[in-house]
Amino acid sequence: MYLIQYATEADGPGLAKVNVQSFQGRRLLEEVFPEASLTRVQEYKIIVGMKHLANPNMHVLKIHDPVSGDLATYSRWQFPASFGPSLVTLSEEAAFLAKDPIPHAPQPMNVGLASAFKKLLEEARKRYTTENDIILDLLATLPEYQGRGFGSAILKWGTEKADASQSRIFLEGTPEGVPVYQKYGWKVVEEVVLDFAQFGGEGHESFFLMMRDPVSQ
């Protein structure tokens, strides 16, 4: 069993690395930041990560590989307020950056596409979730550690909490992630498509909205 821990401000670089490098096969970041290097995008994601750590309803989890010590898996779970807050303390600088990461974004930035993606997720959550549902906001594992059970350990952590409280869990998954989530009880409720061409880009990406009903104890 892997050790699941709450992430802290010091984990910012590791979380950003997992976030960016786990989805390199997807085009969204490349389309939003067309001229930015991988390093520059990761620097920005460190600041975005502070925003998530500052959110008391967002429980940010990590797993380090027990051999290399690398931060291998990063996950964000948005719980109803009834679960209690995530108690993460940020420095004054991190708390300031968390208020508005956008000014620190790489330029040029395709603001229209970024806004459309944000709107797509917001509208999806409004259609399918209530204030009593859990949202799996992110689950990512570095490519070199995929297939070793890190993600499964995080999913087991979350589904056990959901079943104990008889809560549903909603997520937006990539096509590659759908079979994994189905294995743990999620079902596809809708496919949504983000068309990059509408915002001056190329191609499109699909996201699958999925819901897991609790299992009776």
N, C-alpha and C. Protein backbone atom coordinates (compact mmCIF):
# COMPACT_ATOMS: atom_id res chain seq x y z
N MET A 1 0.85 -1.19 0.00
CA MET A 1 0.00 0.00 0.00
C MET A 1 0.88 1.24 0.00
N TYR A 2 0.60 2.15 -0.91
CA TYR A 2 1.37 3.39 -1.00
C TYR A 2 0.89 4.39 0.05
N LEU A 3 1.80 5.23 0.50
CA LEU A 3 1.49 6.25 1.50
C LEU A 3 0.86 7.46 0.82
N ILE A 4 -0.39 7.74 1.16
CA ILE A 4 -1.10 8.90 0.62
C ILE A 4 -1.03 10.02 1.63
N GLN A 5 -0.54 11.18 1.18
CA GLN A 5 -0.37 12.32 2.08
C GLN A 5 -1.02 13.57 1.49
N TYR A 6 -1.33 14.51 2.37
CA TYR A 6 -1.79 15.81 1.91
C TYR A 6 -0.58 16.60 1.39
N ALA A 7 -0.77 17.27 0.26
CA ALA A 7 0.29 18.09 -0.31
C ALA A 7 0.42 19.40 0.45
N THR A 8 1.62 19.98 0.39
CA THR A 8 1.89 21.25 1.04
C THR A 8 2.46 22.24 0.02
N GLU A 9 2.67 23.45 0.46
CA GLU A 9 3.24 24.47 -0.43
C GLU A 9 4.58 24.02 -1.01
N ALA A 10 5.38 23.34 -0.22
CA ALA A 10 6.70 22.90 -0.67
C ALA A 10 6.62 21.90 -1.82
N ASP A 11 5.47 21.27 -1.99
CA ASP A 11 5.29 20.29 -3.06
C ASP A 11 4.96 20.94 -4.40
N GLY A 12 4.83 22.28 -4.42
CA GLY A 12 4.41 22.97 -5.63
C GLY A 12 5.12 22.53 -6.90
N PRO A 13 6.46 22.52 -6.94
CA PRO A 13 7.15 22.10 -8.17
C PRO A 13 6.84 20.66 -8.58
N GLY A 14 6.76 19.77 -7.59
CA GLY A 14 6.46 18.37 -7.90
C GLY A 14 5.05 18.18 -8.43
N LEU A 15 4.10 18.90 -7.84
CA LEU A 15 2.71 18.82 -8.30
C LEU A 15 2.59 19.35 -9.72
N ALA A 16 3.27 20.47 -9.99
CA ALA A 16 3.22 21.07 -11.32
C ALA A 16 3.82 20.14 -12.37
N LYS A 17 4.91 19.49 -12.02
CA LYS A 17 5.55 18.55 -12.95
C LYS A 17 4.60 17.41 -13.30
N VAL A 18 3.96 16.84 -12.29
CA VAL A 18 3.00 15.75 -12.54
C VAL A 18 1.85 16.25 -13.40
N ASN A 19 1.32 17.41 -13.06
CA ASN A 19 0.17 17.97 -13.77
C ASN A 19 0.46 18.15 -15.25
N VAL A 20 1.62 18.74 -15.57
CA VAL A 20 1.95 19.06 -16.96
C VAL A 20 2.42 17.83 -17.73
N GLN A 21 3.34 17.07 -17.15
CA GLN A 21 3.94 15.97 -17.90
C GLN A 21 3.03 14.76 -18.06
N SER A 22 2.03 14.63 -17.19
CA SER A 22 1.11 13.50 -17.31
C SER A 22 0.17 13.65 -18.50
N PHE A 23 -0.03 14.89 -18.96
CA PHE A 23 -0.99 15.13 -20.04
C PHE A 23 -0.32 15.66 -21.31
N GLN A 24 0.96 15.32 -21.49
CA GLN A 24 1.68 15.82 -22.66
C GLN A 24 1.09 15.32 -23.98
N GLY A 25 0.42 14.19 -23.93
CA GLY A 25 -0.19 13.68 -25.15
C GLY A 25 -1.46 14.41 -25.54
N ARG A 26 -1.97 15.24 -24.64
CA ARG A 26 -3.16 16.03 -24.90
C ARG A 26 -2.73 17.40 -25.41
N ARG A 27 -3.56 18.07 -26.20
CA ARG A 27 -3.15 19.30 -26.88
C ARG A 27 -3.60 20.58 -26.17
N LEU A 28 -4.39 20.46 -25.11
CA LEU A 28 -4.99 21.65 -24.53
C LEU A 28 -3.96 22.68 -24.09
N LEU A 29 -2.98 22.27 -23.29
CA LEU A 29 -1.98 23.23 -22.80
C LEU A 29 -1.19 23.84 -23.94
N GLU A 30 -0.88 23.04 -24.94
CA GLU A 30 -0.13 23.53 -26.09
C GLU A 30 -0.93 24.58 -26.86
N GLU A 31 -2.23 24.38 -26.93
CA GLU A 31 -3.08 25.33 -27.64
C GLU A 31 -3.28 26.62 -26.83
N VAL A 32 -3.39 26.48 -25.52
CA VAL A 32 -3.60 27.67 -24.67
C VAL A 32 -2.32 28.50 -24.57
N PHE A 33 -1.16 27.81 -24.49
CA PHE A 33 0.12 28.50 -24.39
C PHE A 33 1.02 28.07 -25.56
N PRO A 34 0.74 28.56 -26.77
CA PRO A 34 1.37 28.04 -27.97
C PRO A 34 2.88 28.25 -28.08
N GLU A 35 3.44 29.21 -27.36
CA GLU A 35 4.87 29.49 -27.48
C GLU A 35 5.66 29.18 -26.21
N ALA A 36 4.97 28.69 -25.19
CA ALA A 36 5.62 28.47 -23.90
C ALA A 36 6.36 27.13 -23.86
N SER A 37 7.51 27.13 -23.22
CA SER A 37 8.25 25.88 -23.01
C SER A 37 7.58 25.07 -21.91
N LEU A 38 7.93 23.81 -21.83
CA LEU A 38 7.40 22.94 -20.79
C LEU A 38 7.76 23.50 -19.41
N THR A 39 8.98 23.99 -19.28
CA THR A 39 9.43 24.55 -18.00
C THR A 39 8.60 25.77 -17.61
N ARG A 40 8.33 26.62 -18.58
CA ARG A 40 7.56 27.84 -18.30
C ARG A 40 6.13 27.50 -17.89
N VAL A 41 5.53 26.52 -18.54
CA VAL A 41 4.17 26.12 -18.17
C VAL A 41 4.16 25.53 -16.76
N GLN A 42 5.17 24.75 -16.43
CA GLN A 42 5.24 24.18 -15.08
C GLN A 42 5.42 25.27 -14.03
N GLU A 43 6.18 26.31 -14.35
CA GLU A 43 6.33 27.43 -13.41
C GLU A 43 4.98 28.08 -13.12
N TYR A 44 4.19 28.23 -14.16
CA TYR A 44 2.85 28.81 -13.99
C TYR A 44 1.95 27.87 -13.19
N LYS A 45 2.06 26.58 -13.45
CA LYS A 45 1.22 25.61 -12.75
C LYS A 45 1.53 25.55 -11.25
N ILE A 46 2.74 25.92 -10.87
CA ILE A 46 3.06 26.00 -9.44
C ILE A 46 2.17 27.04 -8.78
N ILE A 47 2.01 28.17 -9.44
CA ILE A 47 1.18 29.25 -8.90
C ILE A 47 -0.29 28.83 -8.88
N VAL A 48 -0.75 28.21 -9.96
CA VAL A 48 -2.14 27.72 -10.00
C VAL A 48 -2.36 26.72 -8.87
N GLY A 49 -1.35 25.90 -8.60
CA GLY A 49 -1.46 24.91 -7.53
C GLY A 49 -1.68 25.54 -6.17
N MET A 50 -1.12 26.74 -5.97
CA MET A 50 -1.33 27.43 -4.70
C MET A 50 -2.81 27.80 -4.52
N LYS A 51 -3.48 28.11 -5.63
CA LYS A 51 -4.91 28.43 -5.57
C LYS A 51 -5.70 27.23 -5.07
N HIS A 52 -5.34 26.05 -5.53
CA HIS A 52 -6.04 24.84 -5.08
C HIS A 52 -5.74 24.54 -3.61
N LEU A 53 -4.48 24.73 -3.21
CA LEU A 53 -4.12 24.48 -1.81
C LEU A 53 -4.83 25.45 -0.88
N ALA A 54 -5.12 26.65 -1.38
CA ALA A 54 -5.77 27.67 -0.55
C ALA A 54 -7.27 27.42 -0.38
N ASN A 55 -7.83 26.57 -1.20
CA ASN A 55 -9.27 26.29 -1.16
C ASN A 55 -9.56 25.27 -0.05
N PRO A 56 -10.29 25.65 1.00
CA PRO A 56 -10.51 24.72 2.12
C PRO A 56 -11.33 23.49 1.76
N ASN A 57 -12.09 23.56 0.64
CA ASN A 57 -12.88 22.40 0.23
C ASN A 57 -12.13 21.48 -0.74
N MET A 58 -10.93 21.90 -1.16
CA MET A 58 -10.14 21.11 -2.10
C MET A 58 -9.07 20.35 -1.32
N HIS A 59 -9.16 19.04 -1.35
CA HIS A 59 -8.20 18.19 -0.65
C HIS A 59 -7.18 17.71 -1.66
N VAL A 60 -5.95 18.21 -1.56
CA VAL A 60 -4.89 17.94 -2.52
C VAL A 60 -3.99 16.84 -1.97
N LEU A 61 -3.93 15.73 -2.68
CA LEU A 61 -3.21 14.55 -2.22
C LEU A 61 -2.02 14.23 -3.11
N LYS A 62 -1.06 13.52 -2.55
CA LYS A 62 0.13 13.12 -3.30
C LYS A 62 0.59 11.74 -2.85
N ILE A 63 1.32 11.09 -3.74
CA ILE A 63 2.02 9.85 -3.41
C ILE A 63 3.44 9.97 -3.95
N HIS A 64 4.42 9.69 -3.11
CA HIS A 64 5.81 9.63 -3.54
C HIS A 64 6.17 8.17 -3.83
N ASP A 65 6.94 7.96 -4.87
CA ASP A 65 7.45 6.62 -5.11
C ASP A 65 8.38 6.23 -3.96
N PRO A 66 8.15 5.07 -3.33
CA PRO A 66 8.94 4.71 -2.15
C PRO A 66 10.41 4.42 -2.45
N VAL A 67 10.74 4.16 -3.72
CA VAL A 67 12.14 3.86 -4.06
C VAL A 67 12.90 5.12 -4.46
N SER A 68 12.37 5.86 -5.44
CA SER A 68 13.07 7.06 -5.93
C SER A 68 12.81 8.29 -5.08
N GLY A 69 11.69 8.31 -4.39
CA GLY A 69 11.30 9.49 -3.63
C GLY A 69 10.59 10.54 -4.44
N ASP A 70 10.46 10.31 -5.76
CA ASP A 70 9.79 11.27 -6.63
C ASP A 70 8.31 11.39 -6.28
N LEU A 71 7.79 12.61 -6.42
CA LEU A 71 6.35 12.80 -6.31
C LEU A 71 5.75 12.23 -7.59
N ALA A 72 5.06 11.13 -7.48
CA ALA A 72 4.61 10.37 -8.65
C ALA A 72 3.16 10.63 -9.04
N THR A 73 2.31 10.83 -8.05
CA THR A 73 0.87 10.99 -8.30
C THR A 73 0.32 12.19 -7.54
N TYR A 74 -0.57 12.89 -8.22
CA TYR A 74 -1.16 14.13 -7.68
C TYR A 74 -2.66 14.05 -7.92
N SER A 75 -3.44 14.37 -6.88
CA SER A 75 -4.89 14.29 -7.02
C SER A 75 -5.57 15.41 -6.23
N ARG A 76 -6.69 15.88 -6.78
CA ARG A 76 -7.48 16.91 -6.11
C ARG A 76 -8.92 16.42 -5.96
N TRP A 77 -9.42 16.49 -4.76
CA TRP A 77 -10.80 16.09 -4.46
C TRP A 77 -11.53 17.26 -3.84
N GLN A 78 -12.63 17.66 -4.44
CA GLN A 78 -13.45 18.73 -3.88
C GLN A 78 -14.59 18.09 -3.09
N PHE A 79 -14.54 18.29 -1.79
CA PHE A 79 -15.53 17.69 -0.90
C PHE A 79 -16.55 18.72 -0.45
N PRO A 80 -17.77 18.27 -0.15
CA PRO A 80 -18.75 19.19 0.46
C PRO A 80 -18.20 19.72 1.78
N ALA A 81 -18.68 20.89 2.18
CA ALA A 81 -18.19 21.52 3.41
C ALA A 81 -18.38 20.64 4.63
N SER A 82 -19.36 19.74 4.57
CA SER A 82 -19.65 18.87 5.71
C SER A 82 -18.51 17.91 6.03
N PHE A 83 -17.59 17.69 5.08
CA PHE A 83 -16.46 16.80 5.31
C PHE A 83 -15.39 17.45 6.16
N GLY A 84 -15.46 18.77 6.31
CA GLY A 84 -14.44 19.48 7.04
C GLY A 84 -13.39 20.04 6.10
N PRO A 85 -12.70 21.12 6.50
CA PRO A 85 -11.75 21.78 5.62
C PRO A 85 -10.43 21.04 5.48
N SER A 86 -9.75 21.31 4.37
CA SER A 86 -8.39 20.85 4.19
C SER A 86 -7.47 21.85 4.88
N LEU A 87 -6.73 21.41 5.85
CA LEU A 87 -5.94 22.33 6.68
C LEU A 87 -4.52 22.45 6.14
N VAL A 88 -4.35 23.31 5.15
CA VAL A 88 -3.04 23.56 4.57
C VAL A 88 -2.68 25.02 4.83
N THR A 89 -1.49 25.24 5.38
CA THR A 89 -1.04 26.59 5.68
C THR A 89 -0.11 27.08 4.58
N LEU A 90 -0.40 28.24 4.02
CA LEU A 90 0.42 28.82 2.97
C LEU A 90 1.19 30.03 3.50
N SER A 91 2.35 30.28 2.90
CA SER A 91 3.10 31.48 3.23
C SER A 91 2.34 32.70 2.73
N GLU A 92 2.74 33.86 3.20
CA GLU A 92 2.07 35.10 2.77
C GLU A 92 2.19 35.28 1.25
N GLU A 93 3.36 34.97 0.70
CA GLU A 93 3.57 35.12 -0.75
C GLU A 93 2.69 34.16 -1.54
N ALA A 94 2.63 32.90 -1.10
CA ALA A 94 1.81 31.91 -1.80
C ALA A 94 0.34 32.26 -1.73
N ALA A 95 -0.11 32.74 -0.58
CA ALA A 95 -1.50 33.13 -0.42
C ALA A 95 -1.85 34.29 -1.34
N PHE A 96 -0.89 35.20 -1.53
CA PHE A 96 -1.11 36.33 -2.44
C PHE A 96 -1.22 35.84 -3.89
N LEU A 97 -0.31 34.98 -4.30
CA LEU A 97 -0.33 34.45 -5.66
C LEU A 97 -1.60 33.64 -5.93
N ALA A 98 -2.07 32.95 -4.91
CA ALA A 98 -3.25 32.09 -5.05
C ALA A 98 -4.51 32.89 -5.40
N LYS A 99 -4.53 34.16 -5.04
CA LYS A 99 -5.72 34.96 -5.27
C LYS A 99 -6.00 35.16 -6.76
N ASP A 100 -4.95 35.27 -7.56
CA ASP A 100 -5.14 35.50 -8.99
C ASP A 100 -3.89 35.07 -9.77
N PRO A 101 -3.83 33.82 -10.20
CA PRO A 101 -2.65 33.33 -10.93
C PRO A 101 -2.52 33.89 -12.35
N ILE A 102 -3.61 34.31 -12.96
CA ILE A 102 -3.63 34.67 -14.39
C ILE A 102 -2.55 35.68 -14.80
N PRO A 103 -2.28 36.74 -14.02
CA PRO A 103 -1.23 37.67 -14.44
C PRO A 103 0.15 37.03 -14.61
N HIS A 104 0.33 35.84 -14.06
CA HIS A 104 1.62 35.16 -14.13
C HIS A 104 1.66 34.10 -15.23
N ALA A 105 0.61 34.04 -16.04
CA ALA A 105 0.52 33.04 -17.11
C ALA A 105 1.50 33.34 -18.23
N PRO A 106 2.01 32.30 -18.90
CA PRO A 106 2.89 32.52 -20.06
C PRO A 106 2.15 33.28 -21.15
N GLN A 107 2.91 34.08 -21.87
CA GLN A 107 2.33 34.83 -22.98
C GLN A 107 3.02 34.43 -24.29
N PRO A 108 2.32 34.43 -25.42
CA PRO A 108 0.89 34.72 -25.55
C PRO A 108 0.04 33.60 -24.97
N MET A 109 -1.16 33.98 -24.56
CA MET A 109 -2.11 33.02 -24.01
C MET A 109 -3.41 33.11 -24.80
N ASN A 110 -3.93 31.97 -25.20
CA ASN A 110 -5.21 31.94 -25.90
C ASN A 110 -6.31 32.04 -24.84
N VAL A 111 -6.63 33.27 -24.49
CA VAL A 111 -7.59 33.52 -23.41
C VAL A 111 -8.97 32.97 -23.75
N GLY A 112 -9.37 33.09 -25.02
CA GLY A 112 -10.68 32.59 -25.42
C GLY A 112 -10.82 31.11 -25.21
N LEU A 113 -9.78 30.36 -25.58
CA LEU A 113 -9.81 28.91 -25.40
C LEU A 113 -9.78 28.53 -23.93
N ALA A 114 -8.94 29.20 -23.16
CA ALA A 114 -8.87 28.92 -21.72
C ALA A 114 -10.21 29.18 -21.05
N SER A 115 -10.87 30.26 -21.44
CA SER A 115 -12.17 30.60 -20.87
C SER A 115 -13.23 29.59 -21.28
N ALA A 116 -13.15 29.13 -22.53
CA ALA A 116 -14.12 28.15 -23.03
C ALA A 116 -13.99 26.83 -22.28
N PHE A 117 -12.76 26.43 -21.99
CA PHE A 117 -12.53 25.19 -21.24
C PHE A 117 -13.08 25.31 -19.83
N LYS A 118 -12.80 26.45 -19.20
CA LYS A 118 -13.31 26.68 -17.84
C LYS A 118 -14.84 26.67 -17.84
N LYS A 119 -15.44 27.30 -18.83
CA LYS A 119 -16.91 27.35 -18.92
C LYS A 119 -17.49 25.97 -19.16
N LEU A 120 -16.82 25.19 -20.00
CA LEU A 120 -17.29 23.83 -20.29
C LEU A 120 -17.37 23.00 -19.01
N LEU A 121 -16.33 23.09 -18.19
CA LEU A 121 -16.31 22.34 -16.94
C LEU A 121 -17.35 22.86 -15.95
N GLU A 122 -17.46 24.17 -15.85
CA GLU A 122 -18.43 24.76 -14.91
C GLU A 122 -19.86 24.35 -15.27
N GLU A 123 -20.18 24.41 -16.56
CA GLU A 123 -21.54 24.06 -16.98
C GLU A 123 -21.81 22.57 -16.79
N ALA A 124 -20.80 21.74 -17.02
CA ALA A 124 -20.97 20.31 -16.82
C ALA A 124 -21.27 20.00 -15.36
N ARG A 125 -20.55 20.65 -14.48
CA ARG A 125 -20.76 20.40 -13.05
C ARG A 125 -22.12 20.91 -12.58
N LYS A 126 -22.58 22.00 -13.18
CA LYS A 126 -23.91 22.50 -12.83
C LYS A 126 -25.00 21.52 -13.27
N ARG A 127 -24.78 20.87 -14.41
CA ARG A 127 -25.78 19.92 -14.93
C ARG A 127 -25.88 18.66 -14.09
N TYR A 128 -24.78 18.22 -13.54
CA TYR A 128 -24.76 16.88 -12.96
C TYR A 128 -24.51 16.81 -11.46
N THR A 129 -24.06 17.88 -10.83
CA THR A 129 -23.72 17.76 -9.42
C THR A 129 -24.58 18.65 -8.53
N THR A 130 -24.62 18.29 -7.27
CA THR A 130 -25.25 19.10 -6.24
C THR A 130 -24.19 19.42 -5.20
N GLU A 131 -24.55 20.22 -4.23
CA GLU A 131 -23.59 20.61 -3.18
C GLU A 131 -23.20 19.43 -2.30
N ASN A 132 -23.92 18.32 -2.41
CA ASN A 132 -23.62 17.15 -1.59
C ASN A 132 -22.69 16.15 -2.27
N ASP A 133 -22.33 16.41 -3.53
CA ASP A 133 -21.50 15.48 -4.28
C ASP A 133 -20.01 15.79 -4.10
N ILE A 134 -19.20 14.76 -4.26
CA ILE A 134 -17.75 14.90 -4.29
C ILE A 134 -17.34 15.06 -5.76
N ILE A 135 -16.34 15.89 -6.02
CA ILE A 135 -15.82 16.04 -7.38
C ILE A 135 -14.34 15.65 -7.39
N LEU A 136 -14.01 14.68 -8.22
CA LEU A 136 -12.61 14.34 -8.44
C LEU A 136 -12.10 15.32 -9.49
N ASP A 137 -11.41 16.36 -9.03
CA ASP A 137 -11.03 17.49 -9.88
C ASP A 137 -9.81 17.15 -10.74
N LEU A 138 -8.95 16.28 -10.26
CA LEU A 138 -7.76 15.90 -11.01
C LEU A 138 -7.17 14.62 -10.44
N LEU A 139 -6.69 13.76 -11.33
CA LEU A 139 -5.88 12.61 -10.94
C LEU A 139 -4.84 12.42 -12.03
N ALA A 140 -3.57 12.53 -11.67
CA ALA A 140 -2.50 12.43 -12.67
C ALA A 140 -1.29 11.72 -12.06
N THR A 141 -0.64 10.93 -12.89
CA THR A 141 0.57 10.20 -12.49
C THR A 141 1.63 10.41 -13.56
N LEU A 142 2.87 10.67 -13.14
CA LEU A 142 3.94 10.81 -14.11
C LEU A 142 4.01 9.59 -15.02
N PRO A 143 4.27 9.79 -16.31
CA PRO A 143 4.27 8.67 -17.26
C PRO A 143 5.13 7.48 -16.83
N GLU A 144 6.29 7.74 -16.26
CA GLU A 144 7.18 6.64 -15.88
C GLU A 144 6.67 5.83 -14.69
N TYR A 145 5.66 6.33 -14.01
CA TYR A 145 5.10 5.60 -12.87
C TYR A 145 3.70 5.06 -13.13
N GLN A 146 3.19 5.25 -14.31
CA GLN A 146 1.85 4.77 -14.63
C GLN A 146 1.82 3.24 -14.72
N GLY A 147 0.69 2.67 -14.33
CA GLY A 147 0.54 1.22 -14.37
C GLY A 147 1.08 0.50 -13.16
N ARG A 148 1.46 1.25 -12.14
CA ARG A 148 2.04 0.63 -10.93
C ARG A 148 1.12 0.73 -9.72
N GLY A 149 -0.11 1.20 -9.92
CA GLY A 149 -1.08 1.20 -8.83
C GLY A 149 -1.16 2.47 -8.02
N PHE A 150 -0.41 3.51 -8.41
CA PHE A 150 -0.47 4.77 -7.66
C PHE A 150 -1.86 5.40 -7.77
N GLY A 151 -2.36 5.49 -9.01
CA GLY A 151 -3.68 6.07 -9.21
C GLY A 151 -4.78 5.26 -8.56
N SER A 152 -4.65 3.94 -8.62
CA SER A 152 -5.65 3.07 -8.00
C SER A 152 -5.71 3.28 -6.49
N ALA A 153 -4.56 3.51 -5.88
CA ALA A 153 -4.53 3.75 -4.43
C ALA A 153 -5.31 5.03 -4.08
N ILE A 154 -5.13 6.07 -4.90
CA ILE A 154 -5.87 7.32 -4.67
C ILE A 154 -7.36 7.11 -4.87
N LEU A 155 -7.73 6.37 -5.92
CA LEU A 155 -9.16 6.12 -6.18
C LEU A 155 -9.79 5.33 -5.04
N LYS A 156 -9.07 4.37 -4.52
CA LYS A 156 -9.57 3.58 -3.40
C LYS A 156 -9.80 4.48 -2.18
N TRP A 157 -8.87 5.41 -1.94
CA TRP A 157 -8.99 6.36 -0.83
C TRP A 157 -10.29 7.15 -0.97
N GLY A 158 -10.54 7.68 -2.17
CA GLY A 158 -11.71 8.52 -2.38
C GLY A 158 -13.01 7.76 -2.38
N THR A 159 -13.03 6.59 -3.01
CA THR A 159 -14.28 5.83 -3.07
C THR A 159 -14.68 5.28 -1.70
N GLU A 160 -13.72 4.98 -0.88
CA GLU A 160 -14.05 4.52 0.48
C GLU A 160 -14.71 5.64 1.27
N LYS A 161 -14.23 6.86 1.11
CA LYS A 161 -14.84 7.99 1.81
C LYS A 161 -16.25 8.26 1.26
N ALA A 162 -16.39 8.13 -0.06
CA ALA A 162 -17.70 8.35 -0.67
C ALA A 162 -18.71 7.30 -0.23
N ASP A 163 -18.29 6.07 -0.18
CA ASP A 163 -19.20 5.00 0.24
C ASP A 163 -19.58 5.15 1.71
N ALA A 164 -18.63 5.56 2.53
CA ALA A 164 -18.91 5.73 3.96
C ALA A 164 -19.94 6.82 4.21
N SER A 165 -19.93 7.84 3.37
CA SER A 165 -20.88 8.95 3.53
C SER A 165 -22.04 8.87 2.55
N GLN A 166 -22.06 7.79 1.74
CA GLN A 166 -23.09 7.59 0.71
C GLN A 166 -23.17 8.81 -0.22
N SER A 167 -22.00 9.21 -0.72
CA SER A 167 -21.90 10.36 -1.63
C SER A 167 -21.57 9.90 -3.05
N ARG A 168 -22.05 10.64 -4.02
CA ARG A 168 -21.67 10.39 -5.40
C ARG A 168 -20.34 11.10 -5.69
N ILE A 169 -19.63 10.62 -6.72
CA ILE A 169 -18.39 11.27 -7.16
C ILE A 169 -18.49 11.55 -8.65
N PHE A 170 -18.29 12.81 -9.00
CA PHE A 170 -18.32 13.25 -10.40
C PHE A 170 -16.90 13.55 -10.86
N LEU A 171 -16.62 13.31 -12.13
CA LEU A 171 -15.32 13.68 -12.70
C LEU A 171 -15.44 13.94 -14.20
N GLU A 172 -14.43 14.63 -14.75
CA GLU A 172 -14.29 14.78 -16.19
C GLU A 172 -13.03 14.01 -16.58
N GLY A 173 -13.20 12.96 -17.38
CA GLY A 173 -12.08 12.10 -17.72
C GLY A 173 -11.65 12.23 -19.17
N THR A 174 -10.39 11.93 -19.42
CA THR A 174 -9.89 11.83 -20.80
C THR A 174 -10.29 10.46 -21.34
N PRO A 175 -10.27 10.29 -22.66
CA PRO A 175 -10.60 8.97 -23.21
C PRO A 175 -9.73 7.85 -22.63
N GLU A 176 -8.45 8.16 -22.37
CA GLU A 176 -7.55 7.15 -21.83
C GLU A 176 -7.93 6.75 -20.40
N GLY A 177 -8.50 7.69 -19.67
CA GLY A 177 -8.82 7.41 -18.29
C GLY A 177 -10.14 6.69 -18.07
N VAL A 178 -11.02 6.73 -19.06
CA VAL A 178 -12.37 6.16 -18.90
C VAL A 178 -12.35 4.69 -18.45
N PRO A 179 -11.58 3.80 -19.08
CA PRO A 179 -11.61 2.39 -18.65
C PRO A 179 -11.18 2.19 -17.19
N VAL A 180 -10.23 3.01 -16.74
CA VAL A 180 -9.78 2.91 -15.35
C VAL A 180 -10.91 3.30 -14.40
N TYR A 181 -11.56 4.42 -14.69
CA TYR A 181 -12.64 4.87 -13.82
C TYR A 181 -13.82 3.90 -13.84
N GLN A 182 -14.11 3.33 -14.99
CA GLN A 182 -15.21 2.36 -15.07
C GLN A 182 -14.94 1.16 -14.18
N LYS A 183 -13.68 0.78 -14.07
CA LYS A 183 -13.29 -0.34 -13.22
C LYS A 183 -13.65 -0.09 -11.76
N TYR A 184 -13.67 1.19 -11.37
CA TYR A 184 -13.95 1.55 -9.98
C TYR A 184 -15.38 2.07 -9.79
N GLY A 185 -16.23 1.83 -10.77
CA GLY A 185 -17.65 2.10 -10.57
C GLY A 185 -18.22 3.34 -11.23
N TRP A 186 -17.39 4.10 -11.95
CA TRP A 186 -17.92 5.28 -12.63
C TRP A 186 -18.61 4.88 -13.94
N LYS A 187 -19.61 5.67 -14.31
CA LYS A 187 -20.31 5.46 -15.57
C LYS A 187 -20.31 6.77 -16.36
N VAL A 188 -20.16 6.67 -17.67
CA VAL A 188 -20.18 7.86 -18.52
C VAL A 188 -21.60 8.40 -18.61
N VAL A 189 -21.75 9.69 -18.37
CA VAL A 189 -23.07 10.31 -18.49
C VAL A 189 -23.16 11.23 -19.71
N GLU A 190 -21.99 11.68 -20.21
CA GLU A 190 -22.00 12.55 -21.38
C GLU A 190 -20.57 12.72 -21.90
N GLU A 191 -20.44 12.89 -23.21
CA GLU A 191 -19.17 13.27 -23.82
C GLU A 191 -19.29 14.72 -24.28
N VAL A 192 -18.31 15.55 -23.92
CA VAL A 192 -18.30 16.94 -24.36
C VAL A 192 -17.03 17.16 -25.18
N VAL A 193 -17.13 18.03 -26.17
CA VAL A 193 -16.01 18.26 -27.08
C VAL A 193 -15.61 19.72 -27.07
N LEU A 194 -14.32 19.97 -26.92
CA LEU A 194 -13.79 21.33 -26.99
C LEU A 194 -13.11 21.50 -28.35
N ASP A 195 -13.66 22.38 -29.16
CA ASP A 195 -13.19 22.59 -30.53
C ASP A 195 -12.16 23.72 -30.55
N PHE A 196 -10.89 23.37 -30.72
CA PHE A 196 -9.84 24.38 -30.72
C PHE A 196 -9.96 25.34 -31.91
N ALA A 197 -10.51 24.85 -33.01
CA ALA A 197 -10.58 25.66 -34.23
C ALA A 197 -11.42 26.93 -34.03
N GLN A 198 -12.40 26.86 -33.13
CA GLN A 198 -13.23 28.03 -32.86
C GLN A 198 -12.43 29.18 -32.25
N PHE A 199 -11.25 28.86 -31.74
CA PHE A 199 -10.43 29.86 -31.05
C PHE A 199 -9.06 30.02 -31.71
N GLY A 200 -9.01 29.72 -33.00
CA GLY A 200 -7.79 29.92 -33.76
C GLY A 200 -6.78 28.80 -33.67
N GLY A 201 -7.16 27.69 -33.03
CA GLY A 201 -6.25 26.57 -32.90
C GLY A 201 -6.54 25.48 -33.92
N GLU A 202 -6.00 24.29 -33.64
CA GLU A 202 -6.20 23.15 -34.53
C GLU A 202 -6.70 21.95 -33.73
N GLY A 203 -7.67 21.24 -34.31
CA GLY A 203 -8.14 20.00 -33.71
C GLY A 203 -9.16 20.22 -32.61
N HIS A 204 -9.36 19.18 -31.81
CA HIS A 204 -10.33 19.23 -30.72
C HIS A 204 -9.96 18.17 -29.69
N GLU A 205 -10.60 18.23 -28.54
CA GLU A 205 -10.41 17.21 -27.51
C GLU A 205 -11.75 16.85 -26.90
N SER A 206 -11.89 15.57 -26.60
CA SER A 206 -13.10 15.07 -25.95
C SER A 206 -12.84 14.85 -24.46
N PHE A 207 -13.86 15.12 -23.68
CA PHE A 207 -13.83 14.84 -22.25
C PHE A 207 -15.10 14.09 -21.90
N PHE A 208 -14.96 13.09 -21.03
CA PHE A 208 -16.11 12.27 -20.67
C PHE A 208 -16.54 12.59 -19.24
N LEU A 209 -17.78 13.03 -19.12
CA LEU A 209 -18.36 13.32 -17.81
C LEU A 209 -18.81 12.00 -17.21
N MET A 210 -18.37 11.72 -15.99
CA MET A 210 -18.63 10.42 -15.38
C MET A 210 -19.13 10.60 -13.94
N MET A 211 -20.00 9.69 -13.52
CA MET A 211 -20.55 9.73 -12.17
C MET A 211 -20.46 8.33 -11.54
N ARG A 212 -20.09 8.33 -10.30
CA ARG A 212 -20.06 7.07 -9.53
C ARG A 212 -21.06 7.16 -8.39
N ASP A 213 -22.00 6.23 -8.35
CA ASP A 213 -22.95 6.16 -7.23
C ASP A 213 -22.31 5.38 -6.08
N PRO A 214 -22.64 5.74 -4.85
CA PRO A 214 -22.03 5.06 -3.71
C PRO A 214 -22.49 3.61 -3.60
N VAL A 215 -21.62 2.81 -3.04
CA VAL A 215 -21.93 1.40 -2.79
C VAL A 215 -22.40 1.29 -1.35
N SER A 216 -23.50 0.59 -1.14
CA SER A 216 -24.03 0.47 0.23
C SER A 216 -23.07 -0.31 1.12
N GLN A 217 -22.93 0.19 2.32
CA GLN A 217 -22.03 -0.45 3.29
C GLN A 217 -22.68 -1.66 3.95
